[in-house]
Amino acid sequence: MDALDLLLTRESALKLDAPGPGEADLDTIFKSAVRAPDHGRLRPWRFVVIESAKREGFGELMAQALLRKEPGASEEMLGRERAKAMRAPTIVVTAAHVQKGHRIPELEQISAAAAATQNMMLAAHALGYGAMWKTGEPAYDSGVKTALGLSEDDEILGFLYLGTNAGGSAPHPRPLARDQVSVWAG
């Protein structure tokens, strides 16, 4: 796929089914991630793979995060939270390993990890997979971070859902690029 075509056709999937990326394709996706800009060569990105067989446990982890935030959450709410882990056959948790007090500002460290996540989405698209990048409350829950083996200072940027596109793409129209641009008058 031509690089510009890749950039101009990438969209978030609405529904993902099996198969998800296998080991070789995941390796390619991760190789693309670590090519992201990285001021200071801190390599702040961290990735945790939730394989298909572990999604149920991940869904329970997300439900427990909801219970910590909302102790009165109904069983229906908890069920919806658990179901999020079934959105795709493969989930990659993307995080920034933030070095607080470093000469490289925290925002730049987080931005490098976000760029790595975008590279992963582009690589998935180039390999023929659909992807969606979600966050939500579990991304900000310290118990979720701990259970995933991340440190307290790490910031979860999102949950990257990967699989075979089975439901088209997000129906919202894209803005006109030029409407987002201004020229500095000096």
C-alpha atoms as a PDB file:
ATOM      1  CA  MET A   1       0.000   0.000   0.000  1.00  0.00           C
ATOM      2  CA  ASP A   2       1.303   3.449  -0.920  1.00  0.00           C
ATOM      3  CA  ALA A   3       2.205   5.494   2.190  1.00  0.00           C
ATOM      4  CA  LEU A   4      -0.095   8.406   1.347  1.00  0.00           C
ATOM      5  CA  ASP A   5      -2.942   6.042   0.507  1.00  0.00           C
ATOM      6  CA  LEU A   6      -2.376   4.391   3.891  1.00  0.00           C
ATOM      7  CA  LEU A   7      -2.576   7.732   5.703  1.00  0.00           C
ATOM      8  CA  LEU A   8      -5.591   8.961   3.759  1.00  0.00           C
ATOM      9  CA  THR A   9      -7.645   5.765   4.092  1.00  0.00           C
ATOM     10  CA  ARG A  10      -7.061   4.812   7.748  1.00  0.00           C
ATOM     11  CA  GLU A  11     -10.273   4.878   9.762  1.00  0.00           C
ATOM     12  CA  SER A  12     -11.397   3.403  13.033  1.00  0.00           C
ATOM     13  CA  ALA A  13     -13.341   0.185  12.676  1.00  0.00           C
ATOM     14  CA  LEU A  14     -16.864  -0.117  14.042  1.00  0.00           C
ATOM     15  CA  LYS A  15     -16.807  -3.875  14.576  1.00  0.00           C
ATOM     16  CA  LEU A  16     -13.928  -6.322  14.687  1.00  0.00           C
ATOM     17  CA  ASP A  17     -13.931 -10.115  14.423  1.00  0.00           C
ATOM     18  CA  ALA A  18     -11.340 -12.872  14.296  1.00  0.00           C
ATOM     19  CA  PRO A  19      -8.793 -13.345  13.111  1.00  0.00           C
ATOM     20  CA  GLY A  20      -6.659 -10.798  14.820  1.00  0.00           C
ATOM     21  CA  PRO A  21      -3.005 -10.321  14.031  1.00  0.00           C
ATOM     22  CA  GLY A  22      -0.815 -13.363  14.602  1.00  0.00           C
ATOM     23  CA  GLU A  23       2.625 -13.292  16.197  1.00  0.00           C
ATOM     24  CA  ALA A  24       4.465 -12.207  13.027  1.00  0.00           C
ATOM     25  CA  ASP A  25       2.004  -9.403  12.283  1.00  0.00           C
ATOM     26  CA  LEU A  26       2.065  -8.228  15.911  1.00  0.00           C
ATOM     27  CA  ASP A  27       5.853  -8.141  15.694  1.00  0.00           C
ATOM     28  CA  THR A  28       5.601  -5.920  12.607  1.00  0.00           C
ATOM     29  CA  ILE A  29       3.074  -3.689  14.367  1.00  0.00           C
ATOM     30  CA  PHE A  30       5.394  -3.290  17.379  1.00  0.00           C
ATOM     31  CA  LYS A  31       8.390  -2.620  15.123  1.00  0.00           C
ATOM     32  CA  SER A  32       6.432   0.232  13.555  1.00  0.00           C
ATOM     33  CA  ALA A  33       5.550   1.567  17.011  1.00  0.00           C
ATOM     34  CA  VAL A  34       9.141   2.006  18.118  1.00  0.00           C
ATOM     35  CA  ARG A  35       9.887   4.072  14.985  1.00  0.00           C
ATOM     36  CA  ALA A  36       7.837   6.928  16.473  1.00  0.00           C
ATOM     37  CA  PRO A  37       9.543  10.232  17.293  1.00  0.00           C
ATOM     38  CA  ASP A  38      11.206   9.989  20.699  1.00  0.00           C
ATOM     39  CA  HIS A  39      12.820  13.147  22.071  1.00  0.00           C
ATOM     40  CA  GLY A  40      15.705  12.178  24.330  1.00  0.00           C
ATOM     41  CA  ARG A  41      15.556   8.521  23.270  1.00  0.00           C
ATOM     42  CA  LEU A  42      13.625   7.684  26.420  1.00  0.00           C
ATOM     43  CA  ARG A  43      11.609   4.961  24.696  1.00  0.00           C
ATOM     44  CA  PRO A  44       8.584   5.803  26.848  1.00  0.00           C
ATOM     45  CA  TRP A  45       6.153   3.439  25.197  1.00  0.00           C
ATOM     46  CA  ARG A  46       4.896   0.313  26.904  1.00  0.00           C
ATOM     47  CA  PHE A  47       2.587  -2.264  25.333  1.00  0.00           C
ATOM     48  CA  VAL A  48       0.632  -5.035  27.040  1.00  0.00           C
ATOM     49  CA  VAL A  49      -0.997  -7.639  24.790  1.00  0.00           C
ATOM     50  CA  ILE A  50      -4.332  -9.108  25.865  1.00  0.00           C
ATOM     51  CA  GLU A  51      -4.641 -12.298  23.855  1.00  0.00           C
ATOM     52  CA  SER A  52      -8.011 -13.686  22.837  1.00  0.00           C
ATOM     53  CA  ALA A  53      -8.069 -16.324  25.584  1.00  0.00           C
ATOM     54  CA  LYS A  54      -7.420 -13.678  28.275  1.00  0.00           C
ATOM     55  CA  ARG A  55     -10.145 -11.239  27.250  1.00  0.00           C
ATOM     56  CA  GLU A  56     -12.660 -12.556  29.770  1.00  0.00           C
ATOM     57  CA  GLY A  57     -10.255 -11.883  32.633  1.00  0.00           C
ATOM     58  CA  PHE A  58      -9.513  -8.452  31.208  1.00  0.00           C
ATOM     59  CA  GLY A  59     -13.254  -7.745  31.062  1.00  0.00           C
ATOM     60  CA  GLU A  60     -13.517  -8.670  34.741  1.00  0.00           C
ATOM     61  CA  LEU A  61     -10.613  -6.318  35.508  1.00  0.00           C
ATOM     62  CA  MET A  62     -12.510  -3.524  33.749  1.00  0.00           C
ATOM     63  CA  ALA A  63     -15.700  -4.359  35.661  1.00  0.00           C
ATOM     64  CA  GLN A  64     -13.801  -4.216  38.968  1.00  0.00           C
ATOM     65  CA  ALA A  65     -12.473  -0.778  37.990  1.00  0.00           C
ATOM     66  CA  LEU A  66     -16.055   0.348  37.437  1.00  0.00           C
ATOM     67  CA  LEU A  67     -17.047  -0.992  40.863  1.00  0.00           C
ATOM     68  CA  ARG A  68     -14.225   0.986  42.502  1.00  0.00           C
ATOM     69  CA  LYS A  69     -15.492   4.156  40.834  1.00  0.00           C
ATOM     70  CA  GLU A  70     -19.199   3.395  41.238  1.00  0.00           C
ATOM     71  CA  PRO A  71     -19.785   0.951  44.119  1.00  0.00           C
ATOM     72  CA  GLY A  72     -23.485   0.832  43.302  1.00  0.00           C
ATOM     73  CA  ALA A  73     -23.003  -0.123  39.644  1.00  0.00           C
ATOM     74  CA  SER A  74     -25.776  -2.402  38.433  1.00  0.00           C
ATOM     75  CA  GLU A  75     -25.145  -5.868  37.030  1.00  0.00           C
ATOM     76  CA  GLU A  76     -26.193  -4.494  33.636  1.00  0.00           C
ATOM     77  CA  MET A  77     -23.501  -1.785  33.840  1.00  0.00           C
ATOM     78  CA  LEU A  78     -20.902  -4.349  34.897  1.00  0.00           C
ATOM     79  CA  GLY A  79     -21.940  -6.621  32.021  1.00  0.00           C
ATOM     80  CA  ARG A  80     -21.481  -3.794  29.523  1.00  0.00           C
ATOM     81  CA  GLU A  81     -18.032  -3.111  30.967  1.00  0.00           C
ATOM     82  CA  ARG A  82     -17.049  -6.796  30.717  1.00  0.00           C
ATOM     83  CA  ALA A  83     -18.305  -6.915  27.109  1.00  0.00           C
ATOM     84  CA  LYS A  84     -15.817  -4.214  26.067  1.00  0.00           C
ATOM     85  CA  ALA A  85     -13.060  -6.815  26.269  1.00  0.00           C
ATOM     86  CA  MET A  86     -14.837  -8.809  23.563  1.00  0.00           C
ATOM     87  CA  ARG A  87     -14.730  -6.015  20.960  1.00  0.00           C
ATOM     88  CA  ALA A  88     -11.772  -7.597  19.160  1.00  0.00           C
ATOM     89  CA  PRO A  89      -9.738 -10.795  19.193  1.00  0.00           C
ATOM     90  CA  THR A  90      -6.574  -8.915  20.201  1.00  0.00           C
ATOM     91  CA  ILE A  91      -6.197  -5.938  22.509  1.00  0.00           C
ATOM     92  CA  VAL A  92      -2.999  -3.995  23.040  1.00  0.00           C
ATOM     93  CA  VAL A  93      -2.865  -1.680  26.028  1.00  0.00           C
ATOM     94  CA  THR A  94      -0.661   1.273  25.134  1.00  0.00           C
ATOM     95  CA  ALA A  95       1.002   3.297  27.847  1.00  0.00           C
ATOM     96  CA  ALA A  96       3.620   5.960  28.391  1.00  0.00           C
ATOM     97  CA  HIS A  97       6.334   5.162  30.909  1.00  0.00           C
ATOM     98  CA  VAL A  98       6.680   8.703  32.241  1.00  0.00           C
ATOM     99  CA  GLN A  99       9.941   9.735  33.874  1.00  0.00           C
ATOM    100  CA  LYS A 100       8.815  12.521  36.182  1.00  0.00           C
ATOM    101  CA  GLY A 101      11.304  15.335  36.700  1.00  0.00           C
ATOM    102  CA  HIS A 102      13.272  14.402  33.582  1.00  0.00           C
ATOM    103  CA  ARG A 103      14.608  17.187  31.357  1.00  0.00           C
ATOM    104  CA  ILE A 104      12.266  15.885  28.633  1.00  0.00           C
ATOM    105  CA  PRO A 105       8.828  17.244  29.609  1.00  0.00           C
ATOM    106  CA  GLU A 106       6.159  14.705  30.529  1.00  0.00           C
ATOM    107  CA  LEU A 107       3.965  15.929  27.679  1.00  0.00           C
ATOM    108  CA  GLU A 108       6.691  15.028  25.164  1.00  0.00           C
ATOM    109  CA  GLN A 109       7.062  11.574  26.693  1.00  0.00           C
ATOM    110  CA  ILE A 110       3.312  10.985  26.460  1.00  0.00           C
ATOM    111  CA  SER A 111       3.270  12.396  22.925  1.00  0.00           C
ATOM    112  CA  ALA A 112       5.966   9.916  21.861  1.00  0.00           C
ATOM    113  CA  ALA A 113       3.877   7.018  23.180  1.00  0.00           C
ATOM    114  CA  ALA A 114       0.780   8.409  21.432  1.00  0.00           C
ATOM    115  CA  ALA A 115       2.753   8.636  18.170  1.00  0.00           C
ATOM    116  CA  ALA A 116       3.800   5.003  18.671  1.00  0.00           C
ATOM    117  CA  THR A 117       0.132   4.063  19.102  1.00  0.00           C
ATOM    118  CA  GLN A 118      -0.786   5.860  15.876  1.00  0.00           C
ATOM    119  CA  ASN A 119       2.036   4.027  14.088  1.00  0.00           C
ATOM    120  CA  MET A 120       0.527   0.774  15.341  1.00  0.00           C
ATOM    121  CA  MET A 121      -2.867   1.697  13.911  1.00  0.00           C
ATOM    122  CA  LEU A 122      -1.272   2.530  10.563  1.00  0.00           C
ATOM    123  CA  ALA A 123       0.713  -0.715  10.528  1.00  0.00           C
ATOM    124  CA  ALA A 124      -2.432  -2.709  11.335  1.00  0.00           C
ATOM    125  CA  HIS A 125      -4.209  -0.990   8.437  1.00  0.00           C
ATOM    126  CA  ALA A 126      -1.286  -1.718   6.098  1.00  0.00           C
ATOM    127  CA  LEU A 127      -1.461  -5.386   7.107  1.00  0.00           C
ATOM    128  CA  GLY A 128      -5.193  -5.520   6.355  1.00  0.00           C
ATOM    129  CA  TYR A 129      -6.537  -5.361   9.919  1.00  0.00           C
ATOM    130  CA  GLY A 130      -9.075  -3.033  11.398  1.00  0.00           C
ATOM    131  CA  ALA A 131      -8.327  -1.125  14.575  1.00  0.00           C
ATOM    132  CA  MET A 132     -10.026   1.114  17.089  1.00  0.00           C
ATOM    133  CA  TRP A 133      -8.369   3.145  19.846  1.00  0.00           C
ATOM    134  CA  LYS A 134     -10.500   3.428  22.977  1.00  0.00           C
ATOM    135  CA  THR A 135      -9.856   4.806  26.432  1.00  0.00           C
ATOM    136  CA  GLY A 136     -12.532   5.102  29.097  1.00  0.00           C
ATOM    137  CA  GLU A 137     -12.335   5.015  32.880  1.00  0.00           C
ATOM    138  CA  PRO A 138     -10.260   1.811  33.176  1.00  0.00           C
ATOM    139  CA  ALA A 139      -7.388   3.687  31.512  1.00  0.00           C
ATOM    140  CA  TYR A 140      -7.210   5.977  34.552  1.00  0.00           C
ATOM    141  CA  ASP A 141      -7.631   3.326  37.239  1.00  0.00           C
ATOM    142  CA  SER A 142      -4.544   2.549  39.338  1.00  0.00           C
ATOM    143  CA  GLY A 143      -5.768  -1.015  39.957  1.00  0.00           C
ATOM    144  CA  VAL A 144      -5.921  -1.657  36.209  1.00  0.00           C
ATOM    145  CA  LYS A 145      -2.382  -0.293  35.787  1.00  0.00           C
ATOM    146  CA  THR A 146      -1.082  -2.526  38.569  1.00  0.00           C
ATOM    147  CA  ALA A 147      -2.842  -5.627  37.224  1.00  0.00           C
ATOM    148  CA  LEU A 148      -1.297  -4.975  33.796  1.00  0.00           C
ATOM    149  CA  GLY A 149       2.204  -4.727  35.266  1.00  0.00           C
ATOM    150  CA  LEU A 150       2.494  -0.987  34.715  1.00  0.00           C
ATOM    151  CA  SER A 151       3.953   1.413  37.254  1.00  0.00           C
ATOM    152  CA  GLU A 152       2.066   4.108  39.119  1.00  0.00           C
ATOM    153  CA  ASP A 153       3.775   6.791  37.007  1.00  0.00           C
ATOM    154  CA  ASP A 154       2.823   5.111  33.734  1.00  0.00           C
ATOM    155  CA  GLU A 155      -0.091   6.628  31.846  1.00  0.00           C
ATOM    156  CA  ILE A 156      -2.396   4.319  29.922  1.00  0.00           C
ATOM    157  CA  LEU A 157      -3.118   6.039  26.621  1.00  0.00           C
ATOM    158  CA  GLY A 158      -5.715   3.574  25.520  1.00  0.00           C
ATOM    159  CA  PHE A 159      -6.803   0.137  24.501  1.00  0.00           C
ATOM    160  CA  LEU A 160      -6.014  -0.648  20.888  1.00  0.00           C
ATOM    161  CA  TYR A 161      -8.517  -3.202  19.599  1.00  0.00           C
ATOM    162  CA  LEU A 162      -7.224  -5.185  16.600  1.00  0.00           C
ATOM    163  CA  GLY A 163      -8.947  -7.677  14.328  1.00  0.00           C
ATOM    164  CA  THR A 164     -10.624  -8.214  11.002  1.00  0.00           C
ATOM    165  CA  ASN A 165     -12.879  -5.328  10.067  1.00  0.00           C
ATOM    166  CA  ALA A 166     -16.412  -6.728  10.125  1.00  0.00           C
ATOM    167  CA  GLY A 167     -18.573  -3.648  10.322  1.00  0.00           C
ATOM    168  CA  GLY A 168     -17.257  -0.811   8.224  1.00  0.00           C
ATOM    169  CA  SER A 169     -15.775   2.338   9.668  1.00  0.00           C
ATOM    170  CA  ALA A 170     -16.940   5.234  11.786  1.00  0.00           C
ATOM    171  CA  PRO A 171     -19.646   7.072   9.810  1.00  0.00           C
ATOM    172  CA  HIS A 172     -18.737  10.617  10.845  1.00  0.00           C
ATOM    173  CA  PRO A 173     -17.426  12.885   8.091  1.00  0.00           C
ATOM    174  CA  ARG A 174     -13.843  14.099   8.277  1.00  0.00           C
ATOM    175  CA  PRO A 175     -13.257  17.837   8.592  1.00  0.00           C
ATOM    176  CA  LEU A 176     -11.767  19.711   5.695  1.00  0.00           C
ATOM    177  CA  ALA A 177      -8.060  19.763   6.452  1.00  0.00           C
ATOM    178  CA  ARG A 178      -7.644  23.416   5.471  1.00  0.00           C
ATOM    179  CA  ASP A 179     -10.304  24.414   8.021  1.00  0.00           C
ATOM    180  CA  GLN A 180      -7.865  23.305  10.742  1.00  0.00           C
ATOM    181  CA  VAL A 181      -4.958  25.394   9.441  1.00  0.00           C
ATOM    182  CA  SER A 182      -4.015  29.016   9.947  1.00  0.00           C
ATOM    183  CA  VAL A 183      -1.033  30.985   8.679  1.00  0.00           C
ATOM    184  CA  TRP A 184       0.818  33.039  11.235  1.00  0.00           C
ATOM    185  CA  ALA A 185       0.756  36.717  10.273  1.00  0.00           C
ATOM    186  CA  GLY A 186       4.042  37.446  12.008  1.00  0.00           C
END
